[in-house]
């Protein structure tokens, strides 16, 4: 499903959208908050520049909203329908989910945003 060469592979692994070989983020762990959004300038394999223009990743805020809604919806479904929680507890579950997964949501949003503009090139992948 997430084979190299697909957009989903690059989005979920955080690898270069052009060659899918090198990680875009300097630290693989998104929960080291001081480095959560720290990215390499370019891919060491294919030379793709990640920051296409100044303030490029501001657009990922729009994607972050949608990804956050998806996480909140999942928290609602799990807490309300599976655990039969009260509305008050469902609200707490949604807020807790968004706080806990904030670094993951931020990275996923950046990965989705850059993959909208840069496409995979199989000729650049390591053999």
PDB file of N, CA and C in Angstrom:
ATOM      1  N   UNK A   1       0.820  -1.191   0.000  1.00  0.00           N
ATOM      2  CA  UNK A   1       0.000   0.000   0.000  1.00  0.00           C
ATOM      3  C   UNK A   1       0.867   1.260   0.000  1.00  0.00           C
ATOM      4  N   UNK A   2       1.888   1.275   0.855  1.00  0.00           N
ATOM      5  CA  UNK A   2       2.770   2.447   0.920  1.00  0.00           C
ATOM      6  C   UNK A   2       4.101   2.114   0.259  1.00  0.00           C
ATOM      7  N   UNK A   3       4.057   1.725  -0.990  1.00  0.00           N
ATOM      8  CA  UNK A   3       5.283   1.357  -1.693  1.00  0.00           C
ATOM      9  C   UNK A   3       6.045   2.601  -2.118  1.00  0.00           C
ATOM     10  N   UNK A   4       7.355   2.447  -2.176  1.00  0.00           N
ATOM     11  CA  UNK A   4       8.193   3.544  -2.638  1.00  0.00           C
ATOM     12  C   UNK A   4       7.728   3.957  -4.028  1.00  0.00           C
ATOM     13  N   UNK A   5       7.603   5.245  -4.208  1.00  0.00           N
ATOM     14  CA  UNK A   5       7.099   5.777  -5.472  1.00  0.00           C
ATOM     15  C   UNK A   5       5.705   6.352  -5.343  1.00  0.00           C
ATOM     16  N   UNK A   6       5.041   6.062  -4.222  1.00  0.00           N
ATOM     17  CA  UNK A   6       3.702   6.617  -4.021  1.00  0.00           C
ATOM     18  C   UNK A   6       3.780   7.839  -3.105  1.00  0.00           C
ATOM     19  N   UNK A   7       2.814   8.716  -3.249  1.00  0.00           N
ATOM     20  CA  UNK A   7       2.749   9.903  -2.393  1.00  0.00           C
ATOM     21  C   UNK A   7       2.610   9.495  -0.930  1.00  0.00           C
ATOM     22  N   UNK A   8       1.805   8.468  -0.677  1.00  0.00           N
ATOM     23  CA  UNK A   8       1.584   8.028   0.702  1.00  0.00           C
ATOM     24  C   UNK A   8       2.869   7.556   1.362  1.00  0.00           C
ATOM     25  N   UNK A   9       3.765   6.938   0.590  1.00  0.00           N
ATOM     26  CA  UNK A   9       5.043   6.495   1.144  1.00  0.00           C
ATOM     27  C   UNK A   9       5.827   7.700   1.657  1.00  0.00           C
ATOM     28  N   UNK A  10       5.936   8.721   0.851  1.00  0.00           N
ATOM     29  CA  UNK A  10       6.675   9.923   1.242  1.00  0.00           C
ATOM     30  C   UNK A  10       5.999  10.645   2.401  1.00  0.00           C
ATOM     31  N   UNK A  11       4.678  10.706   2.391  1.00  0.00           N
ATOM     32  CA  UNK A  11       3.943  11.405   3.448  1.00  0.00           C
ATOM     33  C   UNK A  11       4.133  10.709   4.785  1.00  0.00           C
ATOM     34  N   UNK A  12       3.958   9.407   4.826  1.00  0.00           N
ATOM     35  CA  UNK A  12       4.007   8.697   6.102  1.00  0.00           C
ATOM     36  C   UNK A  12       5.414   8.368   6.584  1.00  0.00           C
ATOM     37  N   UNK A  13       6.391   8.336   5.689  1.00  0.00           N
ATOM     38  CA  UNK A  13       7.768   8.087   6.124  1.00  0.00           C
ATOM     39  C   UNK A  13       8.559   9.377   6.309  1.00  0.00           C
ATOM     40  N   UNK A  14       8.071  10.485   5.758  1.00  0.00           N
ATOM     41  CA  UNK A  14       8.773  11.758   5.891  1.00  0.00           C
ATOM     42  C   UNK A  14      10.033  11.835   5.047  1.00  0.00           C
ATOM     43  N   UNK A  15      10.059  11.083   3.957  1.00  0.00           N
ATOM     44  CA  UNK A  15      11.227  11.085   3.085  1.00  0.00           C
ATOM     45  C   UNK A  15      11.073  12.122   1.976  1.00  0.00           C
ATOM     46  N   UNK A  16      12.161  12.371   1.292  1.00  0.00           N
ATOM     47  CA  UNK A  16      12.179  13.330   0.185  1.00  0.00           C
ATOM     48  C   UNK A  16      11.083  12.978  -0.820  1.00  0.00           C
ATOM     49  N   UNK A  17      10.254  13.937  -1.202  1.00  0.00           N
ATOM     50  CA  UNK A  17       9.161  13.637  -2.139  1.00  0.00           C
ATOM     51  C   UNK A  17       9.641  13.328  -3.557  1.00  0.00           C
ATOM     52  N   UNK A  18      10.863  13.719  -3.878  1.00  0.00           N
ATOM     53  CA  UNK A  18      11.381  13.518  -5.237  1.00  0.00           C
ATOM     54  C   UNK A  18      12.024  12.137  -5.419  1.00  0.00           C
ATOM     55  N   UNK A  19      12.845  11.693  -4.421  1.00  0.00           N
ATOM     56  CA  UNK A  19      13.560  10.427  -4.579  1.00  0.00           C
ATOM     57  C   UNK A  19      13.160   9.366  -3.552  1.00  0.00           C
ATOM     58  N   UNK A  20      12.483   9.753  -2.495  1.00  0.00           N
ATOM     59  CA  UNK A  20      12.035   8.846  -1.422  1.00  0.00           C
ATOM     60  C   UNK A  20      13.196   8.126  -0.744  1.00  0.00           C
ATOM     61  N   UNK A  21      14.372   8.750  -0.701  1.00  0.00           N
ATOM     62  CA  UNK A  21      15.544   8.092  -0.128  1.00  0.00           C
ATOM     63  C   UNK A  21      15.964   8.671   1.219  1.00  0.00           C
ATOM     64  N   UNK A  22      15.987   9.975   1.360  1.00  0.00           N
ATOM     65  CA  UNK A  22      16.515  10.610   2.571  1.00  0.00           C
ATOM     66  C   UNK A  22      15.382  11.231   3.387  1.00  0.00           C
ATOM     67  N   UNK A  23      15.492  11.211   4.715  1.00  0.00           N
ATOM     68  CA  UNK A  23      14.463  11.873   5.532  1.00  0.00           C
ATOM     69  C   UNK A  23      14.546  13.391   5.395  1.00  0.00           C
ATOM     70  N   UNK A  24      13.387  14.047   5.393  1.00  0.00           N
ATOM     71  CA  UNK A  24      13.366  15.505   5.295  1.00  0.00           C
ATOM     72  C   UNK A  24      13.688  16.155   6.637  1.00  0.00           C
ATOM     73  N   UNK A  25      13.282  15.523   7.720  1.00  0.00           N
ATOM     74  CA  UNK A  25      13.461  16.103   9.042  1.00  0.00           C
ATOM     75  C   UNK A  25      14.779  15.650   9.649  1.00  0.00           C
ATOM     76  N   UNK A  26      15.424  16.552  10.372  1.00  0.00           N
ATOM     77  CA  UNK A  26      16.724  16.254  10.964  1.00  0.00           C
ATOM     78  C   UNK A  26      16.636  15.193  12.046  1.00  0.00           C
ATOM     79  N   UNK A  27      15.561  15.200  12.804  1.00  0.00           N
ATOM     80  CA  UNK A  27      15.380  14.218  13.868  1.00  0.00           C
ATOM     81  C   UNK A  27      14.129  13.411  13.553  1.00  0.00           C
ATOM     82  N   UNK A  28      14.248  12.086  13.584  1.00  0.00           N
ATOM     83  CA  UNK A  28      13.129  11.219  13.235  1.00  0.00           C
ATOM     84  C   UNK A  28      11.993  11.286  14.259  1.00  0.00           C
ATOM     85  N   UNK A  29      12.310  11.623  15.501  1.00  0.00           N
ATOM     86  CA  UNK A  29      11.319  11.651  16.572  1.00  0.00           C
ATOM     87  C   UNK A  29      10.618  13.011  16.621  1.00  0.00           C
ATOM     88  N   UNK A  30       9.320  13.059  16.317  1.00  0.00           N
ATOM     89  CA  UNK A  30       8.619  14.351  16.334  1.00  0.00           C
ATOM     90  C   UNK A  30       8.367  14.884  17.750  1.00  0.00           C
ATOM     91  N   UNK A  31       8.546  14.040  18.762  1.00  0.00           N
ATOM     92  CA  UNK A  31       8.251  14.457  20.133  1.00  0.00           C
ATOM     93  C   UNK A  31       9.420  15.145  20.825  1.00  0.00           C
ATOM     94  N   UNK A  32      10.517  15.332  20.140  1.00  0.00           N
ATOM     95  CA  UNK A  32      11.567  16.220  20.635  1.00  0.00           C
ATOM     96  C   UNK A  32      11.175  17.595  20.103  1.00  0.00           C
ATOM     97  N   UNK A  33      10.420  18.310  20.926  1.00  0.00           N
ATOM     98  CA  UNK A  33       9.703  19.501  20.452  1.00  0.00           C
ATOM     99  C   UNK A  33      10.605  20.611  19.935  1.00  0.00           C
ATOM    100  N   UNK A  34      11.817  20.731  20.462  1.00  0.00           N
ATOM    101  CA  UNK A  34      12.713  21.777  19.976  1.00  0.00           C
ATOM    102  C   UNK A  34      13.174  21.508  18.544  1.00  0.00           C
ATOM    103  N   UNK A  35      13.070  20.263  18.097  1.00  0.00           N
ATOM    104  CA  UNK A  35      13.502  19.894  16.751  1.00  0.00           C
ATOM    105  C   UNK A  35      12.361  19.325  15.914  1.00  0.00           C
ATOM    106  N   UNK A  36      11.130  19.482  16.367  1.00  0.00           N
ATOM    107  CA  UNK A  36       9.985  18.853  15.694  1.00  0.00           C
ATOM    108  C   UNK A  36       9.857  19.273  14.233  1.00  0.00           C
ATOM    109  N   UNK A  37      10.116  20.541  13.931  1.00  0.00           N
ATOM    110  CA  UNK A  37       9.972  21.030  12.559  1.00  0.00           C
ATOM    111  C   UNK A  37      11.310  21.372  11.902  1.00  0.00           C
ATOM    112  N   UNK A  38      12.396  20.941  12.516  1.00  0.00           N
ATOM    113  CA  UNK A  38      13.725  21.204  11.983  1.00  0.00           C
ATOM    114  C   UNK A  38      13.981  20.299  10.774  1.00  0.00           C
ATOM    115  N   UNK A  39      14.127  20.928   9.608  1.00  0.00           N
ATOM    116  CA  UNK A  39      14.288  20.182   8.362  1.00  0.00           C
ATOM    117  C   UNK A  39      15.647  20.453   7.727  1.00  0.00           C
ATOM    118  N   UNK A  40      16.090  19.490   6.937  1.00  0.00           N
ATOM    119  CA  UNK A  40      17.282  19.706   6.118  1.00  0.00           C
ATOM    120  C   UNK A  40      16.924  20.729   5.033  1.00  0.00           C
ATOM    121  N   UNK A  41      17.906  21.470   4.575  1.00  0.00           N
ATOM    122  CA  UNK A  41      17.660  22.440   3.500  1.00  0.00           C
ATOM    123  C   UNK A  41      17.389  21.731   2.174  1.00  0.00           C
ATOM    124  N   UNK A  42      18.209  20.705   1.893  1.00  0.00           N
ATOM    125  CA  UNK A  42      18.080  19.960   0.643  1.00  0.00           C
ATOM    126  C   UNK A  42      18.237  18.470   0.914  1.00  0.00           C
ATOM    127  N   UNK A  43      17.845  17.673  -0.047  1.00  0.00           N
ATOM    128  CA  UNK A  43      18.029  16.223   0.030  1.00  0.00           C
ATOM    129  C   UNK A  43      19.471  15.900  -0.334  1.00  0.00           C
ATOM    130  N   UNK A  44      20.122  15.096   0.490  1.00  0.00           N
ATOM    131  CA  UNK A  44      21.522  14.752   0.208  1.00  0.00           C
ATOM    132  C   UNK A  44      21.640  13.763  -0.944  1.00  0.00           C
ATOM    133  N   UNK A  45      20.553  13.126  -1.335  1.00  0.00           N
ATOM    134  CA  UNK A  45      20.594  12.170  -2.436  1.00  0.00           C
ATOM    135  C   UNK A  45      20.370  12.844  -3.790  1.00  0.00           C
ATOM    136  N   UNK A  46      19.289  13.627  -3.905  1.00  0.00           N
ATOM    137  CA  UNK A  46      18.933  14.199  -5.213  1.00  0.00           C
ATOM    138  C   UNK A  46      19.085  15.716  -5.283  1.00  0.00           C
ATOM    139  N   UNK A  47      19.330  16.370  -4.145  1.00  0.00           N
ATOM    140  CA  UNK A  47      19.538  17.805  -4.141  1.00  0.00           C
ATOM    141  C   UNK A  47      18.262  18.636  -4.169  1.00  0.00           C
ATOM    142  N   UNK A  48      17.121  18.019  -3.985  1.00  0.00           N
ATOM    143  CA  UNK A  48      15.858  18.746  -3.980  1.00  0.00           C
ATOM    144  C   UNK A  48      15.828  19.736  -2.829  1.00  0.00           C
ATOM    145  N   UNK A  49      15.493  20.972  -3.137  1.00  0.00           N
ATOM    146  CA  UNK A  49      15.368  22.009  -2.117  1.00  0.00           C
ATOM    147  C   UNK A  49      13.962  21.927  -1.538  1.00  0.00           C
ATOM    148  N   UNK A  50      13.876  21.752  -0.220  1.00  0.00           N
ATOM    149  CA  UNK A  50      12.571  21.568   0.421  1.00  0.00           C
ATOM    150  C   UNK A  50      11.802  22.870   0.570  1.00  0.00           C
ATOM    151  N   UNK A  51      12.472  23.934   0.900  1.00  0.00           N
ATOM    152  CA  UNK A  51      11.798  25.218   1.055  1.00  0.00           C
ATOM    153  C   UNK A  51      11.809  25.891  -0.326  1.00  0.00           C
ATOM    154  N   UNK A  52      10.769  25.628  -1.081  1.00  0.00           N
ATOM    155  CA  UNK A  52      10.697  26.065  -2.470  1.00  0.00           C
ATOM    156  C   UNK A  52      10.767  27.581  -2.580  1.00  0.00           C
ATOM    157  N   UNK A  53      10.128  28.270  -1.666  1.00  0.00           N
ATOM    158  CA  UNK A  53      10.144  29.739  -1.643  1.00  0.00           C
ATOM    159  C   UNK A  53      10.047  30.183  -0.186  1.00  0.00           C
ATOM    160  N   UNK A  54      10.332  31.448   0.104  1.00  0.00           N
ATOM    161  CA  UNK A  54      10.200  31.919   1.489  1.00  0.00           C
ATOM    162  C   UNK A  54       8.764  31.692   1.997  1.00  0.00           C
ATOM    163  N   UNK A  55       8.662  31.280   3.215  1.00  0.00           N
ATOM    164  CA  UNK A  55       7.368  31.024   3.861  1.00  0.00           C
ATOM    165  C   UNK A  55       6.564  29.938   3.165  1.00  0.00           C
ATOM    166  N   UNK A  56       7.228  29.028   2.490  1.00  0.00           N
ATOM    167  CA  UNK A  56       6.554  27.962   1.739  1.00  0.00           C
ATOM    168  C   UNK A  56       5.632  27.139   2.633  1.00  0.00           C
ATOM    169  N   UNK A  57       6.090  26.799   3.825  1.00  0.00           N
ATOM    170  CA  UNK A  57       5.322  25.894   4.670  1.00  0.00           C
ATOM    171  C   UNK A  57       4.181  26.576   5.424  1.00  0.00           C
ATOM    172  N   UNK A  58       3.952  27.867   5.222  1.00  0.00           N
ATOM    173  CA  UNK A  58       2.763  28.499   5.802  1.00  0.00           C
ATOM    174  C   UNK A  58       1.499  27.864   5.232  1.00  0.00           C
ATOM    175  N   UNK A  59       1.568  27.405   4.019  1.00  0.00           N
ATOM    176  CA  UNK A  59       0.420  26.743   3.395  1.00  0.00           C
ATOM    177  C   UNK A  59       0.041  25.450   4.087  1.00  0.00           C
ATOM    178  N   UNK A  60       0.999  24.859   4.781  1.00  0.00           N
ATOM    179  CA  UNK A  60       0.691  23.606   5.473  1.00  0.00           C
ATOM    180  C   UNK A  60      -0.246  23.827   6.657  1.00  0.00           C
ATOM    181  N   UNK A  61      -0.454  25.088   7.051  1.00  0.00           N
ATOM    182  CA  UNK A  61      -1.416  25.372   8.124  1.00  0.00           C
ATOM    183  C   UNK A  61      -2.825  24.978   7.699  1.00  0.00           C
ATOM    184  N   UNK A  62      -3.153  25.159   6.420  1.00  0.00           N
ATOM    185  CA  UNK A  62      -4.458  24.760   5.919  1.00  0.00           C
ATOM    186  C   UNK A  62      -4.609  23.242   5.976  1.00  0.00           C
ATOM    187  N   UNK A  63      -3.551  22.548   5.616  1.00  0.00           N
ATOM    188  CA  UNK A  63      -3.554  21.090   5.677  1.00  0.00           C
ATOM    189  C   UNK A  63      -3.632  20.636   7.132  1.00  0.00           C
ATOM    190  N   UNK A  64      -2.936  21.341   8.023  1.00  0.00           N
ATOM    191  CA  UNK A  64      -2.931  21.001   9.443  1.00  0.00           C
ATOM    192  C   UNK A  64      -4.339  21.052  10.027  1.00  0.00           C
ATOM    193  N   UNK A  65      -5.117  22.001   9.590  1.00  0.00           N
ATOM    194  CA  UNK A  65      -6.503  22.103  10.055  1.00  0.00           C
ATOM    195  C   UNK A  65      -7.274  20.838   9.685  1.00  0.00           C
ATOM    196  N   UNK A  66      -7.158  20.410   8.447  1.00  0.00           N
ATOM    197  CA  UNK A  66      -7.870  19.215   7.985  1.00  0.00           C
ATOM    198  C   UNK A  66      -7.374  17.959   8.696  1.00  0.00           C
ATOM    199  N   UNK A  67      -6.075  17.843   8.876  1.00  0.00           N
ATOM    200  CA  UNK A  67      -5.516  16.680   9.567  1.00  0.00           C
ATOM    201  C   UNK A  67      -5.965  16.683  11.033  1.00  0.00           C
ATOM    202  N   UNK A  68      -5.994  17.847  11.647  1.00  0.00           N
ATOM    203  CA  UNK A  68      -6.468  17.956  13.025  1.00  0.00           C
ATOM    204  C   UNK A  68      -7.923  17.546  13.150  1.00  0.00           C
ATOM    205  N   UNK A  69      -8.751  17.939  12.188  1.00  0.00           N
ATOM    206  CA  UNK A  69     -10.161  17.534  12.180  1.00  0.00           C
ATOM    207  C   UNK A  69     -10.274  16.008  12.058  1.00  0.00           C
ATOM    208  N   UNK A  70      -9.423  15.409  11.242  1.00  0.00           N
ATOM    209  CA  UNK A  70      -9.441  13.944  11.096  1.00  0.00           C
ATOM    210  C   UNK A  70      -9.091  13.263  12.422  1.00  0.00           C
ATOM    211  N   UNK A  71      -8.067  13.764  13.111  1.00  0.00           N
ATOM    212  CA  UNK A  71      -7.685  13.199  14.405  1.00  0.00           C
ATOM    213  C   UNK A  71      -8.804  13.408  15.430  1.00  0.00           C
ATOM    214  N   UNK A  72      -9.410  14.590  15.445  1.00  0.00           N
ATOM    215  CA  UNK A  72     -10.491  14.877  16.384  1.00  0.00           C
ATOM    216  C   UNK A  72     -11.701  13.990  16.102  1.00  0.00           C
ATOM    217  N   UNK A  73     -12.011  13.766  14.834  1.00  0.00           N
ATOM    218  CA  UNK A  73     -13.123  12.895  14.473  1.00  0.00           C
ATOM    219  C   UNK A  73     -12.857  11.463  14.923  1.00  0.00           C
ATOM    220  N   UNK A  74     -11.635  11.012  14.729  1.00  0.00           N
ATOM    221  CA  UNK A  74     -11.273   9.667  15.179  1.00  0.00           C
ATOM    222  C   UNK A  74     -11.401   9.550  16.696  1.00  0.00           C
ATOM    223  N   UNK A  75     -10.959  10.567  17.421  1.00  0.00           N
ATOM    224  CA  UNK A  75     -11.084  10.559  18.883  1.00  0.00           C
ATOM    225  C   UNK A  75     -12.546  10.534  19.292  1.00  0.00           C
ATOM    226  N   UNK A  76     -13.385  11.290  18.590  1.00  0.00           N
ATOM    227  CA  UNK A  76     -14.816  11.303  18.890  1.00  0.00           C
ATOM    228  C   UNK A  76     -15.425   9.925  18.682  1.00  0.00           C
ATOM    229  N   UNK A  77     -15.155   9.326  17.534  1.00  0.00           N
ATOM    230  CA  UNK A  77     -15.738   8.022  17.205  1.00  0.00           C
ATOM    231  C   UNK A  77     -15.310   6.971  18.221  1.00  0.00           C
ATOM    232  N   UNK A  78     -14.024   6.940  18.538  1.00  0.00           N
ATOM    233  CA  UNK A  78     -13.528   5.943  19.484  1.00  0.00           C
ATOM    234  C   UNK A  78     -14.127   6.156  20.868  1.00  0.00           C
ATOM    235  N   UNK A  79     -14.095   7.377  21.353  1.00  0.00           N
ATOM    236  CA  UNK A  79     -14.565   7.621  22.715  1.00  0.00           C
ATOM    237  C   UNK A  79     -16.086   7.526  22.846  1.00  0.00           C
ATOM    238  N   UNK A  80     -16.836   8.016  21.870  1.00  0.00           N
ATOM    239  CA  UNK A  80     -18.295   8.041  21.982  1.00  0.00           C
ATOM    240  C   UNK A  80     -18.932   6.706  21.610  1.00  0.00           C
ATOM    241  N   UNK A  81     -18.520   6.155  20.471  1.00  0.00           N
ATOM    242  CA  UNK A  81     -19.179   4.954  19.981  1.00  0.00           C
ATOM    243  C   UNK A  81     -18.587   3.655  20.530  1.00  0.00           C
ATOM    244  N   UNK A  82     -17.293   3.632  20.769  1.00  0.00           N
ATOM    245  CA  UNK A  82     -16.671   2.400  21.260  1.00  0.00           C
ATOM    246  C   UNK A  82     -16.680   2.344  22.786  1.00  0.00           C
ATOM    247  N   UNK A  83     -16.288   3.444  23.430  1.00  0.00           N
ATOM    248  CA  UNK A  83     -16.228   3.452  24.894  1.00  0.00           C
ATOM    249  C   UNK A  83     -17.484   4.025  25.555  1.00  0.00           C
ATOM    250  N   UNK A  84     -18.455   4.465  24.755  1.00  0.00           N
ATOM    251  CA  UNK A  84     -19.710   5.024  25.278  1.00  0.00           C
ATOM    252  C   UNK A  84     -19.475   6.123  26.318  1.00  0.00           C
ATOM    253  N   UNK A  85     -18.534   6.991  26.055  1.00  0.00           N
ATOM    254  CA  UNK A  85     -18.209   8.074  26.984  1.00  0.00           C
ATOM    255  C   UNK A  85     -19.272   9.171  26.921  1.00  0.00           C
ATOM    256  N   UNK A  86     -19.368   9.929  27.995  1.00  0.00           N
ATOM    257  CA  UNK A  86     -20.284  11.067  28.019  1.00  0.00           C
ATOM    258  C   UNK A  86     -19.727  12.180  27.135  1.00  0.00           C
ATOM    259  N   UNK A  87     -20.569  13.130  26.791  1.00  0.00           N
ATOM    260  CA  UNK A  87     -20.146  14.241  25.936  1.00  0.00           C
ATOM    261  C   UNK A  87     -18.969  14.994  26.575  1.00  0.00           C
ATOM    262  N   UNK A  88     -19.018  15.182  27.875  1.00  0.00           N
ATOM    263  CA  UNK A  88     -17.929  15.859  28.593  1.00  0.00           C
ATOM    264  C   UNK A  88     -16.615  15.092  28.427  1.00  0.00           C
ATOM    265  N   UNK A  89     -16.661  13.791  28.591  1.00  0.00           N
ATOM    266  CA  UNK A  89     -15.448  12.971  28.436  1.00  0.00           C
ATOM    267  C   UNK A  89     -15.001  12.888  26.975  1.00  0.00           C
ATOM    268  N   UNK A  90     -15.942  12.938  26.056  1.00  0.00           N
ATOM    269  CA  UNK A  90     -15.592  12.953  24.630  1.00  0.00           C
ATOM    270  C   UNK A  90     -14.819  14.228  24.312  1.00  0.00           C
ATOM    271  N   UNK A  91     -15.292  15.353  24.830  1.00  0.00           N
ATOM    272  CA  UNK A  91     -14.601  16.631  24.617  1.00  0.00           C
ATOM    273  C   UNK A  91     -13.176  16.567  25.169  1.00  0.00           C
ATOM    274  N   UNK A  92     -13.014  16.025  26.353  1.00  0.00           N
ATOM    275  CA  UNK A  92     -11.679  15.876  26.955  1.00  0.00           C
ATOM    276  C   UNK A  92     -10.804  14.961  26.096  1.00  0.00           C
ATOM    277  N   UNK A  93     -11.393  13.880  25.571  1.00  0.00           N
ATOM    278  CA  UNK A  93     -10.635  12.957  24.720  1.00  0.00           C
ATOM    279  C   UNK A  93     -10.162  13.637  23.439  1.00  0.00           C
ATOM    280  N   UNK A  94     -11.012  14.464  22.858  1.00  0.00           N
ATOM    281  CA  UNK A  94     -10.636  15.178  21.630  1.00  0.00           C
ATOM    282  C   UNK A  94      -9.493  16.152  21.912  1.00  0.00           C
ATOM    283  N   UNK A  95      -9.614  16.939  22.970  1.00  0.00           N
ATOM    284  CA  UNK A  95      -8.563  17.907  23.310  1.00  0.00           C
ATOM    285  C   UNK A  95      -7.260  17.183  23.622  1.00  0.00           C
ATOM    286  N   UNK A  96      -7.329  16.109  24.399  1.00  0.00           N
ATOM    287  CA  UNK A  96      -6.117  15.342  24.740  1.00  0.00           C
ATOM    288  C   UNK A  96      -5.470  14.754  23.488  1.00  0.00           C
ATOM    289  N   UNK A  97      -6.287  14.239  22.584  1.00  0.00           N
ATOM    290  CA  UNK A  97      -5.757  13.678  21.337  1.00  0.00           C
ATOM    291  C   UNK A  97      -5.028  14.738  20.523  1.00  0.00           C
ATOM    292  N   UNK A  98      -5.628  15.913  20.388  1.00  0.00           N
ATOM    293  CA  UNK A  98      -5.003  16.977  19.608  1.00  0.00           C
ATOM    294  C   UNK A  98      -3.703  17.463  20.248  1.00  0.00           C
ATOM    295  N   UNK A  99      -3.653  17.504  21.561  1.00  0.00           N
ATOM    296  CA  UNK A  99      -2.425  17.932  22.243  1.00  0.00           C
ATOM    297  C   UNK A  99      -1.340  16.871  22.092  1.00  0.00           C
ATOM    298  N   UNK A 100      -1.689  15.619  22.334  1.00  0.00           N
ATOM    299  CA  UNK A 100      -0.697  14.538  22.275  1.00  0.00           C
ATOM    300  C   UNK A 100      -0.145  14.363  20.863  1.00  0.00           C
ATOM    301  N   UNK A 101      -1.004  14.475  19.870  1.00  0.00           N
ATOM    302  CA  UNK A 101      -0.576  14.231  18.493  1.00  0.00           C
ATOM    303  C   UNK A 101      -0.169  15.503  17.738  1.00  0.00           C
ATOM    304  N   UNK A 102      -0.064  16.634  18.419  1.00  0.00           N
ATOM    305  CA  UNK A 102       0.301  17.886  17.759  1.00  0.00           C
ATOM    306  C   UNK A 102       1.589  17.782  16.924  1.00  0.00           C
ATOM    307  N   UNK A 103       2.693  17.235  17.458  1.00  0.00           N
ATOM    308  CA  UNK A 103       3.903  17.144  16.627  1.00  0.00           C
ATOM    309  C   UNK A 103       3.708  16.264  15.391  1.00  0.00           C
ATOM    310  N   UNK A 104       2.959  15.200  15.531  1.00  0.00           N
ATOM    311  CA  UNK A 104       2.698  14.305  14.408  1.00  0.00           C
ATOM    312  C   UNK A 104       1.833  15.020  13.361  1.00  0.00           C
ATOM    313  N   UNK A 105       0.823  15.745  13.815  1.00  0.00           N
ATOM    314  CA  UNK A 105      -0.046  16.494  12.905  1.00  0.00           C
ATOM    315  C   UNK A 105       0.752  17.552  12.141  1.00  0.00           C
ATOM    316  N   UNK A 106       1.651  18.239  12.841  1.00  0.00           N
ATOM    317  CA  UNK A 106       2.473  19.263  12.177  1.00  0.00           C
ATOM    318  C   UNK A 106       3.355  18.657  11.096  1.00  0.00           C
ATOM    319  N   UNK A 107       3.987  17.539  11.403  1.00  0.00           N
ATOM    320  CA  UNK A 107       4.850  16.897  10.408  1.00  0.00           C
ATOM    321  C   UNK A 107       4.053  16.326   9.243  1.00  0.00           C
ATOM    322  N   UNK A 108       2.964  15.655   9.544  1.00  0.00           N
ATOM    323  CA  UNK A 108       2.127  15.120   8.466  1.00  0.00           C
ATOM    324  C   UNK A 108       1.657  16.237   7.534  1.00  0.00           C
ATOM    325  N   UNK A 109       1.299  17.364   8.105  1.00  0.00           N
ATOM    326  CA  UNK A 109       0.829  18.498   7.311  1.00  0.00           C
ATOM    327  C   UNK A 109       1.923  19.011   6.380  1.00  0.00           C
ATOM    328  N   UNK A 110       3.127  19.121   6.909  1.00  0.00           N
ATOM    329  CA  UNK A 110       4.241  19.557   6.050  1.00  0.00           C
ATOM    330  C   UNK A 110       4.512  18.540   4.958  1.00  0.00           C
ATOM    331  N   UNK A 111       4.461  17.246   5.306  1.00  0.00           N
ATOM    332  CA  UNK A 111       4.703  16.197   4.313  1.00  0.00           C
ATOM    333  C   UNK A 111       3.646  16.226   3.214  1.00  0.00           C
ATOM    334  N   UNK A 112       2.396  16.391   3.598  1.00  0.00           N
ATOM    335  CA  UNK A 112       1.318  16.461   2.601  1.00  0.00           C
ATOM    336  C   UNK A 112       1.499  17.697   1.727  1.00  0.00           C
ATOM    337  N   UNK A 113       1.795  18.828   2.342  1.00  0.00           N
ATOM    338  CA  UNK A 113       1.930  20.089   1.604  1.00  0.00           C
ATOM    339  C   UNK A 113       3.036  20.007   0.559  1.00  0.00           C
ATOM    340  N   UNK A 114       4.207  19.519   0.944  1.00  0.00           N
ATOM    341  CA  UNK A 114       5.318  19.475  -0.018  1.00  0.00           C
ATOM    342  C   UNK A 114       5.053  18.450  -1.114  1.00  0.00           C
ATOM    343  N   UNK A 115       4.325  17.373  -0.781  1.00  0.00           N
ATOM    344  CA  UNK A 115       4.012  16.369  -1.794  1.00  0.00           C
ATOM    345  C   UNK A 115       2.978  16.839  -2.806  1.00  0.00           C
ATOM    346  N   UNK A 116       2.286  17.932  -2.512  1.00  0.00           N
ATOM    347  CA  UNK A 116       1.380  18.507  -3.501  1.00  0.00           C
ATOM    348  C   UNK A 116       2.149  19.188  -4.631  1.00  0.00           C
ATOM    349  N   UNK A 117       3.379  19.602  -4.348  1.00  0.00           N
ATOM    350  CA  UNK A 117       4.149  20.402  -5.305  1.00  0.00           C
ATOM    351  C   UNK A 117       5.337  19.675  -5.915  1.00  0.00           C
ATOM    352  N   UNK A 118       5.867  18.677  -5.238  1.00  0.00           N
ATOM    353  CA  UNK A 118       7.026  17.939  -5.740  1.00  0.00           C
ATOM    354  C   UNK A 118       6.603  16.500  -5.979  1.00  0.00           C
ATOM    355  N   UNK A 119       6.946  15.970  -7.130  1.00  0.00           N
ATOM    356  CA  UNK A 119       6.516  14.636  -7.519  1.00  0.00           C
ATOM    357  C   UNK A 119       7.697  13.679  -7.599  1.00  0.00           C
ATOM    358  N   UNK A 120       7.437  12.414  -7.369  1.00  0.00           N
ATOM    359  CA  UNK A 120       8.448  11.361  -7.365  1.00  0.00           C
ATOM    360  C   UNK A 120       9.069  11.195  -8.742  1.00  0.00           C
ATOM    361  N   UNK A 121      10.391  11.015  -8.741  1.00  0.00           N
ATOM    362  CA  UNK A 121      11.134  10.745  -9.974  1.00  0.00           C
ATOM    363  C   UNK A 121      11.901   9.455  -9.774  1.00  0.00           C
ATOM    364  N   UNK A 122      11.447   8.376 -10.403  1.00  0.00           N
ATOM    365  CA  UNK A 122      12.065   7.063 -10.181  1.00  0.00           C
ATOM    366  C   UNK A 122      13.508   7.001 -10.662  1.00  0.00           C
ATOM    367  N   UNK A 123      13.907   7.911 -11.514  1.00  0.00           N
ATOM    368  CA  UNK A 123      15.290   7.917 -12.007  1.00  0.00           C
ATOM    369  C   UNK A 123      16.270   8.414 -10.945  1.00  0.00           C
ATOM    370  N   UNK A 124      15.776   9.107  -9.919  1.00  0.00           N
ATOM    371  CA  UNK A 124      16.651   9.628  -8.864  1.00  0.00           C
ATOM    372  C   UNK A 124      16.806   8.679  -7.692  1.00  0.00           C
ATOM    373  N   UNK A 125      15.984   7.651  -7.627  1.00  0.00           N
ATOM    374  CA  UNK A 125      16.023   6.703  -6.513  1.00  0.00           C
ATOM    375  C   UNK A 125      17.282   5.853  -6.596  1.00  0.00           C
ATOM    376  N   UNK A 126      17.817   5.513  -5.430  1.00  0.00           N
ATOM    377  CA  UNK A 126      18.998   4.631  -5.372  1.00  0.00           C
ATOM    378  C   UNK A 126      18.592   3.248  -5.815  1.00  0.00           C
ATOM    379  N   UNK A 127      19.461   2.630  -6.536  1.00  0.00           N
ATOM    380  CA  UNK A 127      19.175   1.268  -7.033  1.00  0.00           C
ATOM    381  C   UNK A 127      19.587   0.247  -6.004  1.00  0.00           C
TER     382      UNK A 127
END
